[in-house]
Amino acid sequence: MDWYPIIDEVSCIKCGVCMDQCNYDVFDKSLGSQPVVSKPDNCLSGCSSCGCSCPTGAIIFYHEDQYNRDQLKVCCGCGQQCQMNC
């Protein structure tokens, strides 16, 4: 496992946007809008859609420092692989 989201519990406002944006079943949704990373192995290396969608910037990624913007696999704007490069 070389990439997965880490939630800053202090900054997180528990809005649930990150869980709605994730397409890889990384979060446990049984606690409502409280994001809990329950399946970090499901996260796609380089995917940053949950972190980009977080309104408070409460999500960082394990090994994020080893990636540059060109290596990210998911668009921050739409949460999918696209040509926008936003």
PDB file of N, CA and C in Angstrom:
ATOM      1  N   MET A   1       0.848  -1.160   0.000  1.00  0.00           N
ATOM      2  CA  MET A   1       0.000   0.000   0.000  1.00  0.00           C
ATOM      3  C   MET A   1       0.899   1.229   0.000  1.00  0.00           C
ATOM      4  N   ASP A   2       0.903   1.951  -1.093  1.00  0.00           N
ATOM      5  CA  ASP A   2       1.803   3.098  -1.202  1.00  0.00           C
ATOM      6  C   ASP A   2       1.063   4.425  -1.283  1.00  0.00           C
ATOM      7  N   TRP A   3      -0.267   4.418  -1.218  1.00  0.00           N
ATOM      8  CA  TRP A   3      -1.031   5.660  -1.358  1.00  0.00           C
ATOM      9  C   TRP A   3      -2.407   5.460  -0.741  1.00  0.00           C
ATOM     10  N   TYR A   4      -2.765   6.297   0.179  1.00  0.00           N
ATOM     11  CA  TYR A   4      -4.114   6.274   0.742  1.00  0.00           C
ATOM     12  C   TYR A   4      -4.355   7.576   1.502  1.00  0.00           C
ATOM     13  N   PRO A   5      -5.628   7.955   1.689  1.00  0.00           N
ATOM     14  CA  PRO A   5      -5.927   9.213   2.367  1.00  0.00           C
ATOM     15  C   PRO A   5      -5.731   9.112   3.881  1.00  0.00           C
ATOM     16  N   ILE A   6      -5.288  10.220   4.458  1.00  0.00           N
ATOM     17  CA  ILE A   6      -5.164  10.357   5.904  1.00  0.00           C
ATOM     18  C   ILE A   6      -5.997  11.571   6.293  1.00  0.00           C
ATOM     19  N   ILE A   7      -6.938  11.376   7.197  1.00  0.00           N
ATOM     20  CA  ILE A   7      -7.858  12.446   7.598  1.00  0.00           C
ATOM     21  C   ILE A   7      -7.303  13.184   8.811  1.00  0.00           C
ATOM     22  N   ASP A   8      -7.224  14.506   8.710  1.00  0.00           N
ATOM     23  CA  ASP A   8      -6.864  15.348   9.845  1.00  0.00           C
ATOM     24  C   ASP A   8      -8.162  15.594  10.622  1.00  0.00           C
ATOM     25  N   GLU A   9      -8.314  14.908  11.746  1.00  0.00           N
ATOM     26  CA  GLU A   9      -9.554  14.969  12.519  1.00  0.00           C
ATOM     27  C   GLU A   9      -9.865  16.372  13.037  1.00  0.00           C
ATOM     28  N   VAL A  10      -8.852  17.191  13.234  1.00  0.00           N
ATOM     29  CA  VAL A  10      -9.061  18.557  13.727  1.00  0.00           C
ATOM     30  C   VAL A  10      -9.653  19.434  12.629  1.00  0.00           C
ATOM     31  N   SER A  11      -9.156  19.299  11.405  1.00  0.00           N
ATOM     32  CA  SER A  11      -9.620  20.135  10.287  1.00  0.00           C
ATOM     33  C   SER A  11     -10.907  19.628   9.648  1.00  0.00           C
ATOM     34  N   CYS A  12     -11.176  18.340   9.796  1.00  0.00           N
ATOM     35  CA  CYS A  12     -12.346  17.728   9.156  1.00  0.00           C
ATOM     36  C   CYS A  12     -13.637  18.281   9.760  1.00  0.00           C
ATOM     37  N   ILE A  13     -14.564  18.704   8.884  1.00  0.00           N
ATOM     38  CA  ILE A  13     -15.857  19.216   9.348  1.00  0.00           C
ATOM     39  C   ILE A  13     -16.965  18.167   9.177  1.00  0.00           C
ATOM     40  N   LYS A  14     -16.583  16.950   8.801  1.00  0.00           N
ATOM     41  CA  LYS A  14     -17.506  15.819   8.682  1.00  0.00           C
ATOM     42  C   LYS A  14     -18.675  16.099   7.742  1.00  0.00           C
ATOM     43  N   CYS A  15     -18.342  16.678   6.600  1.00  0.00           N
ATOM     44  CA  CYS A  15     -19.373  17.004   5.610  1.00  0.00           C
ATOM     45  C   CYS A  15     -19.705  15.804   4.715  1.00  0.00           C
ATOM     46  N   GLY A  16     -18.792  14.831   4.609  1.00  0.00           N
ATOM     47  CA  GLY A  16     -19.034  13.639   3.809  1.00  0.00           C
ATOM     48  C   GLY A  16     -18.719  13.773   2.336  1.00  0.00           C
ATOM     49  N   VAL A  17     -18.271  14.934   1.899  1.00  0.00           N
ATOM     50  CA  VAL A  17     -17.982  15.155   0.479  1.00  0.00           C
ATOM     51  C   VAL A  17     -16.898  14.185  -0.006  1.00  0.00           C
ATOM     52  N   CYS A  18     -15.884  13.965   0.790  1.00  0.00           N
ATOM     53  CA  CYS A  18     -14.792  13.068   0.388  1.00  0.00           C
ATOM     54  C   CYS A  18     -15.303  11.655   0.126  1.00  0.00           C
ATOM     55  N   MET A  19     -16.199  11.179   0.974  1.00  0.00           N
ATOM     56  CA  MET A  19     -16.729   9.825   0.795  1.00  0.00           C
ATOM     57  C   MET A  19     -17.593   9.728  -0.453  1.00  0.00           C
ATOM     58  N   ASP A  20     -18.347  10.788  -0.730  1.00  0.00           N
ATOM     59  CA  ASP A  20     -19.180  10.809  -1.941  1.00  0.00           C
ATOM     60  C   ASP A  20     -18.324  10.832  -3.200  1.00  0.00           C
ATOM     61  N   GLN A  21     -17.164  11.461  -3.127  1.00  0.00           N
ATOM     62  CA  GLN A  21     -16.285  11.602  -4.292  1.00  0.00           C
ATOM     63  C   GLN A  21     -15.495  10.326  -4.583  1.00  0.00           C
ATOM     64  N   CYS A  22     -15.278   9.489  -3.576  1.00  0.00           N
ATOM     65  CA  CYS A  22     -14.451   8.289  -3.737  1.00  0.00           C
ATOM     66  C   CYS A  22     -15.187   7.197  -4.508  1.00  0.00           C
ATOM     67  N   ASN A  23     -14.539   6.699  -5.553  1.00  0.00           N
ATOM     68  CA  ASN A  23     -15.110   5.629  -6.377  1.00  0.00           C
ATOM     69  C   ASN A  23     -14.512   4.261  -6.066  1.00  0.00           C
ATOM     70  N   TYR A  24     -13.697   4.168  -5.011  1.00  0.00           N
ATOM     71  CA  TYR A  24     -12.945   2.941  -4.763  1.00  0.00           C
ATOM     72  C   TYR A  24     -13.253   2.283  -3.417  1.00  0.00           C
ATOM     73  N   ASP A  25     -14.335   2.679  -2.775  1.00  0.00           N
ATOM     74  CA  ASP A  25     -14.784   2.055  -1.528  1.00  0.00           C
ATOM     75  C   ASP A  25     -13.696   2.068  -0.450  1.00  0.00           C
ATOM     76  N   VAL A  26     -13.020   3.191  -0.316  1.00  0.00           N
ATOM     77  CA  VAL A  26     -11.951   3.343   0.676  1.00  0.00           C
ATOM     78  C   VAL A  26     -12.528   3.659   2.056  1.00  0.00           C
ATOM     79  N   PHE A  27     -13.666   4.351   2.079  1.00  0.00           N
ATOM     80  CA  PHE A  27     -14.236   4.836   3.332  1.00  0.00           C
ATOM     81  C   PHE A  27     -15.346   3.937   3.856  1.00  0.00           C
ATOM     82  N   ASP A  28     -15.452   3.854   5.185  1.00  0.00           N
ATOM     83  CA  ASP A  28     -16.567   3.192   5.848  1.00  0.00           C
ATOM     84  C   ASP A  28     -17.672   4.231   5.989  1.00  0.00           C
ATOM     85  N   LYS A  29     -18.781   4.017   5.323  1.00  0.00           N
ATOM     86  CA  LYS A  29     -19.876   4.985   5.328  1.00  0.00           C
ATOM     87  C   LYS A  29     -20.920   4.702   6.410  1.00  0.00           C
ATOM     88  N   SER A  30     -20.670   3.713   7.249  1.00  0.00           N
ATOM     89  CA  SER A  30     -21.654   3.334   8.269  1.00  0.00           C
ATOM     90  C   SER A  30     -21.772   4.353   9.399  1.00  0.00           C
ATOM     91  N   LEU A  31     -20.820   5.273   9.502  1.00  0.00           N
ATOM     92  CA  LEU A  31     -20.852   6.276  10.559  1.00  0.00           C
ATOM     93  C   LEU A  31     -21.420   7.606  10.070  1.00  0.00           C
ATOM     94  N   GLY A  32     -22.186   7.574   9.017  1.00  0.00           N
ATOM     95  CA  GLY A  32     -22.759   8.796   8.454  1.00  0.00           C
ATOM     96  C   GLY A  32     -21.709   9.584   7.708  1.00  0.00           C
ATOM     97  N   SER A  33     -21.594  10.862   8.006  1.00  0.00           N
ATOM     98  CA  SER A  33     -20.652  11.710   7.276  1.00  0.00           C
ATOM     99  C   SER A  33     -19.262  11.762   7.916  1.00  0.00           C
ATOM    100  N   GLN A  34     -19.029  10.987   8.961  1.00  0.00           N
ATOM    101  CA  GLN A  34     -17.710  10.899   9.594  1.00  0.00           C
ATOM    102  C   GLN A  34     -16.807  10.037   8.709  1.00  0.00           C
ATOM    103  N   PRO A  35     -15.804  10.620   8.044  1.00  0.00           N
ATOM    104  CA  PRO A  35     -14.959   9.802   7.159  1.00  0.00           C
ATOM    105  C   PRO A  35     -13.996   8.919   7.956  1.00  0.00           C
ATOM    106  N   VAL A  36     -14.064   7.620   7.677  1.00  0.00           N
ATOM    107  CA  VAL A  36     -13.158   6.650   8.284  1.00  0.00           C
ATOM    108  C   VAL A  36     -12.543   5.845   7.145  1.00  0.00           C
ATOM    109  N   VAL A  37     -11.222   5.878   7.047  1.00  0.00           N
ATOM    110  CA  VAL A  37     -10.524   5.115   6.013  1.00  0.00           C
ATOM    111  C   VAL A  37     -10.450   3.673   6.498  1.00  0.00           C
ATOM    112  N   SER A  38     -11.333   2.836   5.966  1.00  0.00           N
ATOM    113  CA  SER A  38     -11.411   1.450   6.419  1.00  0.00           C
ATOM    114  C   SER A  38     -10.752   0.464   5.463  1.00  0.00           C
ATOM    115  N   LYS A  39     -10.599   0.867   4.203  1.00  0.00           N
ATOM    116  CA  LYS A  39     -10.006  -0.029   3.204  1.00  0.00           C
ATOM    117  C   LYS A  39      -8.936   0.722   2.412  1.00  0.00           C
ATOM    118  N   PRO A  40      -7.824   1.069   3.060  1.00  0.00           N
ATOM    119  CA  PRO A  40      -6.787   1.852   2.370  1.00  0.00           C
ATOM    120  C   PRO A  40      -6.202   1.140   1.154  1.00  0.00           C
ATOM    121  N   ASP A  41      -6.220  -0.180   1.152  1.00  0.00           N
ATOM    122  CA  ASP A  41      -5.690  -0.932   0.009  1.00  0.00           C
ATOM    123  C   ASP A  41      -6.515  -0.728  -1.256  1.00  0.00           C
ATOM    124  N   ASN A  42      -7.760  -0.282  -1.104  1.00  0.00           N
ATOM    125  CA  ASN A  42      -8.615  -0.045  -2.271  1.00  0.00           C
ATOM    126  C   ASN A  42      -8.260   1.233  -3.018  1.00  0.00           C
ATOM    127  N   CYS A  43      -7.556   2.145  -2.360  1.00  0.00           N
ATOM    128  CA  CYS A  43      -7.248   3.436  -2.965  1.00  0.00           C
ATOM    129  C   CYS A  43      -6.309   3.261  -4.161  1.00  0.00           C
ATOM    130  N   LEU A  44      -6.632   3.925  -5.238  1.00  0.00           N
ATOM    131  CA  LEU A  44      -5.813   3.902  -6.448  1.00  0.00           C
ATOM    132  C   LEU A  44      -4.611   4.824  -6.257  1.00  0.00           C
ATOM    133  N   SER A  45      -3.425   4.296  -6.443  1.00  0.00           N
ATOM    134  CA  SER A  45      -2.222   5.113  -6.281  1.00  0.00           C
ATOM    135  C   SER A  45      -2.285   6.340  -7.172  1.00  0.00           C
ATOM    136  N   GLY A  46      -2.126   7.502  -6.557  1.00  0.00           N
ATOM    137  CA  GLY A  46      -2.170   8.748  -7.298  1.00  0.00           C
ATOM    138  C   GLY A  46      -3.541   9.389  -7.355  1.00  0.00           C
ATOM    139  N   CYS A  47      -4.584   8.690  -6.943  1.00  0.00           N
ATOM    140  CA  CYS A  47      -5.931   9.265  -6.944  1.00  0.00           C
ATOM    141  C   CYS A  47      -6.019  10.285  -5.822  1.00  0.00           C
ATOM    142  N   SER A  48      -6.486  11.459  -6.128  1.00  0.00           N
ATOM    143  CA  SER A  48      -6.606  12.509  -5.120  1.00  0.00           C
ATOM    144  C   SER A  48      -7.992  13.142  -5.119  1.00  0.00           C
ATOM    145  N   SER A  49      -8.984  12.453  -5.665  1.00  0.00           N
ATOM    146  CA  SER A  49     -10.312  13.060  -5.796  1.00  0.00           C
ATOM    147  C   SER A  49     -10.939  13.386  -4.447  1.00  0.00           C
ATOM    148  N   CYS A  50     -10.766  12.540  -3.444  1.00  0.00           N
ATOM    149  CA  CYS A  50     -11.358  12.853  -2.137  1.00  0.00           C
ATOM    150  C   CYS A  50     -10.655  14.055  -1.508  1.00  0.00           C
ATOM    151  N   GLY A  51      -9.348  14.103  -1.614  1.00  0.00           N
ATOM    152  CA  GLY A  51      -8.590  15.215  -1.041  1.00  0.00           C
ATOM    153  C   GLY A  51      -8.861  16.529  -1.740  1.00  0.00           C
ATOM    154  N   CYS A  52      -8.995  16.489  -3.047  1.00  0.00           N
ATOM    155  CA  CYS A  52      -9.277  17.711  -3.804  1.00  0.00           C
ATOM    156  C   CYS A  52     -10.676  18.235  -3.524  1.00  0.00           C
ATOM    157  N   SER A  53     -11.591  17.336  -3.187  1.00  0.00           N
ATOM    158  CA  SER A  53     -12.966  17.756  -2.931  1.00  0.00           C
ATOM    159  C   SER A  53     -13.179  18.263  -1.509  1.00  0.00           C
ATOM    160  N   CYS A  54     -12.218  18.039  -0.628  1.00  0.00           N
ATOM    161  CA  CYS A  54     -12.360  18.438   0.779  1.00  0.00           C
ATOM    162  C   CYS A  54     -12.322  19.963   0.907  1.00  0.00           C
ATOM    163  N   PRO A  55     -13.387  20.570   1.446  1.00  0.00           N
ATOM    164  CA  PRO A  55     -13.433  22.031   1.529  1.00  0.00           C
ATOM    165  C   PRO A  55     -12.462  22.637   2.550  1.00  0.00           C
ATOM    166  N   THR A  56     -11.954  21.830   3.474  1.00  0.00           N
ATOM    167  CA  THR A  56     -11.040  22.362   4.492  1.00  0.00           C
ATOM    168  C   THR A  56      -9.606  21.879   4.323  1.00  0.00           C
ATOM    169  N   GLY A  57      -9.350  21.060   3.300  1.00  0.00           N
ATOM    170  CA  GLY A  57      -8.003  20.542   3.097  1.00  0.00           C
ATOM    171  C   GLY A  57      -7.577  19.572   4.184  1.00  0.00           C
ATOM    172  N   ALA A  58      -8.531  18.838   4.735  1.00  0.00           N
ATOM    173  CA  ALA A  58      -8.262  17.940   5.860  1.00  0.00           C
ATOM    174  C   ALA A  58      -7.709  16.582   5.434  1.00  0.00           C
ATOM    175  N   ILE A  59      -7.462  16.396   4.138  1.00  0.00           N
ATOM    176  CA  ILE A  59      -6.976  15.102   3.661  1.00  0.00           C
ATOM    177  C   ILE A  59      -5.604  15.259   3.022  1.00  0.00           C
ATOM    178  N   ILE A  60      -4.684  14.467   3.521  1.00  0.00           N
ATOM    179  CA  ILE A  60      -3.375  14.331   2.886  1.00  0.00           C
ATOM    180  C   ILE A  60      -3.239  12.859   2.510  1.00  0.00           C
ATOM    181  N   PHE A  61      -2.186  12.534   1.802  1.00  0.00           N
ATOM    182  CA  PHE A  61      -2.023  11.159   1.350  1.00  0.00           C
ATOM    183  C   PHE A  61      -0.688  10.589   1.798  1.00  0.00           C
ATOM    184  N   TYR A  62      -0.727   9.339   2.210  1.00  0.00           N
ATOM    185  CA  TYR A  62       0.486   8.622   2.551  1.00  0.00           C
ATOM    186  C   TYR A  62       1.360   8.573   1.302  1.00  0.00           C
ATOM    187  N   HIS A  63       2.597   9.000   1.413  1.00  0.00           N
ATOM    188  CA  HIS A  63       3.578   9.067   0.318  1.00  0.00           C
ATOM    189  C   HIS A  63       3.248  10.133  -0.715  1.00  0.00           C
ATOM    190  N   GLU A  64       2.437  11.114  -0.357  1.00  0.00           N
ATOM    191  CA  GLU A  64       2.074  12.192  -1.283  1.00  0.00           C
ATOM    192  C   GLU A  64       3.312  12.923  -1.803  1.00  0.00           C
ATOM    193  N   ASP A  65       4.333  13.026  -0.980  1.00  0.00           N
ATOM    194  CA  ASP A  65       5.550  13.742  -1.369  1.00  0.00           C
ATOM    195  C   ASP A  65       6.305  13.063  -2.498  1.00  0.00           C
ATOM    196  N   GLN A  66       5.980  11.801  -2.793  1.00  0.00           N
ATOM    197  CA  GLN A  66       6.670  11.069  -3.854  1.00  0.00           C
ATOM    198  C   GLN A  66       5.986  11.216  -5.215  1.00  0.00           C
ATOM    199  N   TYR A  67       4.892  11.958  -5.268  1.00  0.00           N
ATOM    200  CA  TYR A  67       4.148  12.149  -6.512  1.00  0.00           C
ATOM    201  C   TYR A  67       4.222  13.611  -6.933  1.00  0.00           C
ATOM    202  N   ASN A  68       4.190  13.850  -8.211  1.00  0.00           N
ATOM    203  CA  ASN A  68       4.027  15.220  -8.687  1.00  0.00           C
ATOM    204  C   ASN A  68       2.686  15.293  -9.417  1.00  0.00           C
ATOM    205  N   ARG A  69       2.248  16.472  -9.763  1.00  0.00           N
ATOM    206  CA  ARG A  69       0.913  16.659 -10.354  1.00  0.00           C
ATOM    207  C   ARG A  69       0.697  15.809 -11.613  1.00  0.00           C
ATOM    208  N   ASP A  70       1.736  15.587 -12.398  1.00  0.00           N
ATOM    209  CA  ASP A  70       1.597  14.803 -13.620  1.00  0.00           C
ATOM    210  C   ASP A  70       1.333  13.329 -13.340  1.00  0.00           C
ATOM    211  N   GLN A  71       1.683  12.869 -12.147  1.00  0.00           N
ATOM    212  CA  GLN A  71       1.494  11.465 -11.809  1.00  0.00           C
ATOM    213  C   GLN A  71       0.127  11.179 -11.204  1.00  0.00           C
ATOM    214  N   LEU A  72      -0.624  12.216 -10.816  1.00  0.00           N
ATOM    215  CA  LEU A  72      -1.936  11.988 -10.239  1.00  0.00           C
ATOM    216  C   LEU A  72      -2.859  11.414 -11.296  1.00  0.00           C
ATOM    217  N   LYS A  73      -3.604  10.399 -10.931  1.00  0.00           N
ATOM    218  CA  LYS A  73      -4.395   9.651 -11.897  1.00  0.00           C
ATOM    219  C   LYS A  73      -5.834  10.127 -12.023  1.00  0.00           C
ATOM    220  N   VAL A  74      -6.292  10.963 -11.110  1.00  0.00           N
ATOM    221  CA  VAL A  74      -7.681  11.395 -11.125  1.00  0.00           C
ATOM    222  C   VAL A  74      -7.752  12.912 -11.060  1.00  0.00           C
ATOM    223  N   CYS A  75      -8.581  13.479 -11.884  1.00  0.00           N
ATOM    224  CA  CYS A  75      -8.774  14.927 -11.951  1.00  0.00           C
ATOM    225  C   CYS A  75      -9.388  15.448 -10.657  1.00  0.00           C
ATOM    226  N   CYS A  76      -8.844  16.535 -10.142  1.00  0.00           N
ATOM    227  CA  CYS A  76      -9.393  17.146  -8.932  1.00  0.00           C
ATOM    228  C   CYS A  76     -10.735  17.815  -9.200  1.00  0.00           C
ATOM    229  N   GLY A  77     -11.011  18.156 -10.417  1.00  0.00           N
ATOM    230  CA  GLY A  77     -12.248  18.846 -10.740  1.00  0.00           C
ATOM    231  C   GLY A  77     -13.439  17.912 -10.837  1.00  0.00           C
ATOM    232  N   CYS A  78     -13.272  16.808 -11.534  1.00  0.00           N
ATOM    233  CA  CYS A  78     -14.421  15.924 -11.762  1.00  0.00           C
ATOM    234  C   CYS A  78     -14.310  14.591 -11.036  1.00  0.00           C
ATOM    235  N   GLY A  79     -13.155  14.266 -10.495  1.00  0.00           N
ATOM    236  CA  GLY A  79     -12.987  13.006  -9.783  1.00  0.00           C
ATOM    237  C   GLY A  79     -12.818  11.805 -10.697  1.00  0.00           C
ATOM    238  N   GLN A  80     -12.648  12.055 -11.968  1.00  0.00           N
ATOM    239  CA  GLN A  80     -12.483  10.977 -12.948  1.00  0.00           C
ATOM    240  C   GLN A  80     -11.203  11.200 -13.731  1.00  0.00           C
ATOM    241  N   GLN A  81     -10.831  10.226 -14.528  1.00  0.00           N
ATOM    242  CA  GLN A  81      -9.706  10.432 -15.421  1.00  0.00           C
ATOM    243  C   GLN A  81     -10.227  11.228 -16.615  1.00  0.00           C
ATOM    244  N   CYS A  82      -9.668  12.413 -16.825  1.00  0.00           N
ATOM    245  CA  CYS A  82     -10.164  13.261 -17.912  1.00  0.00           C
ATOM    246  C   CYS A  82      -9.019  14.075 -18.494  1.00  0.00           C
ATOM    247  N   GLN A  83      -9.317  14.875 -19.457  1.00  0.00           N
ATOM    248  CA  GLN A  83      -8.329  15.656 -20.167  1.00  0.00           C
ATOM    249  C   GLN A  83      -8.203  17.090 -19.629  1.00  0.00           C
ATOM    250  N   MET A  84      -8.959  17.441 -18.596  1.00  0.00           N
ATOM    251  CA  MET A  84      -9.001  18.805 -18.105  1.00  0.00           C
ATOM    252  C   MET A  84      -7.688  19.262 -17.480  1.00  0.00           C
ATOM    253  N   ASN A  85      -7.019  18.364 -16.786  1.00  0.00           N
ATOM    254  CA  ASN A  85      -5.759  18.702 -16.086  1.00  0.00           C
ATOM    255  C   ASN A  85      -5.918  19.908 -15.177  1.00  0.00           C
ATOM    256  N   CYS A  86      -6.999  19.956 -14.445  1.00  0.00           N
ATOM    257  CA  CYS A  86      -7.229  21.105 -13.562  1.00  0.00           C
ATOM    258  C   CYS A  86      -6.441  21.000 -12.265  1.00  0.00           C
TER     259      CYS A  86
END
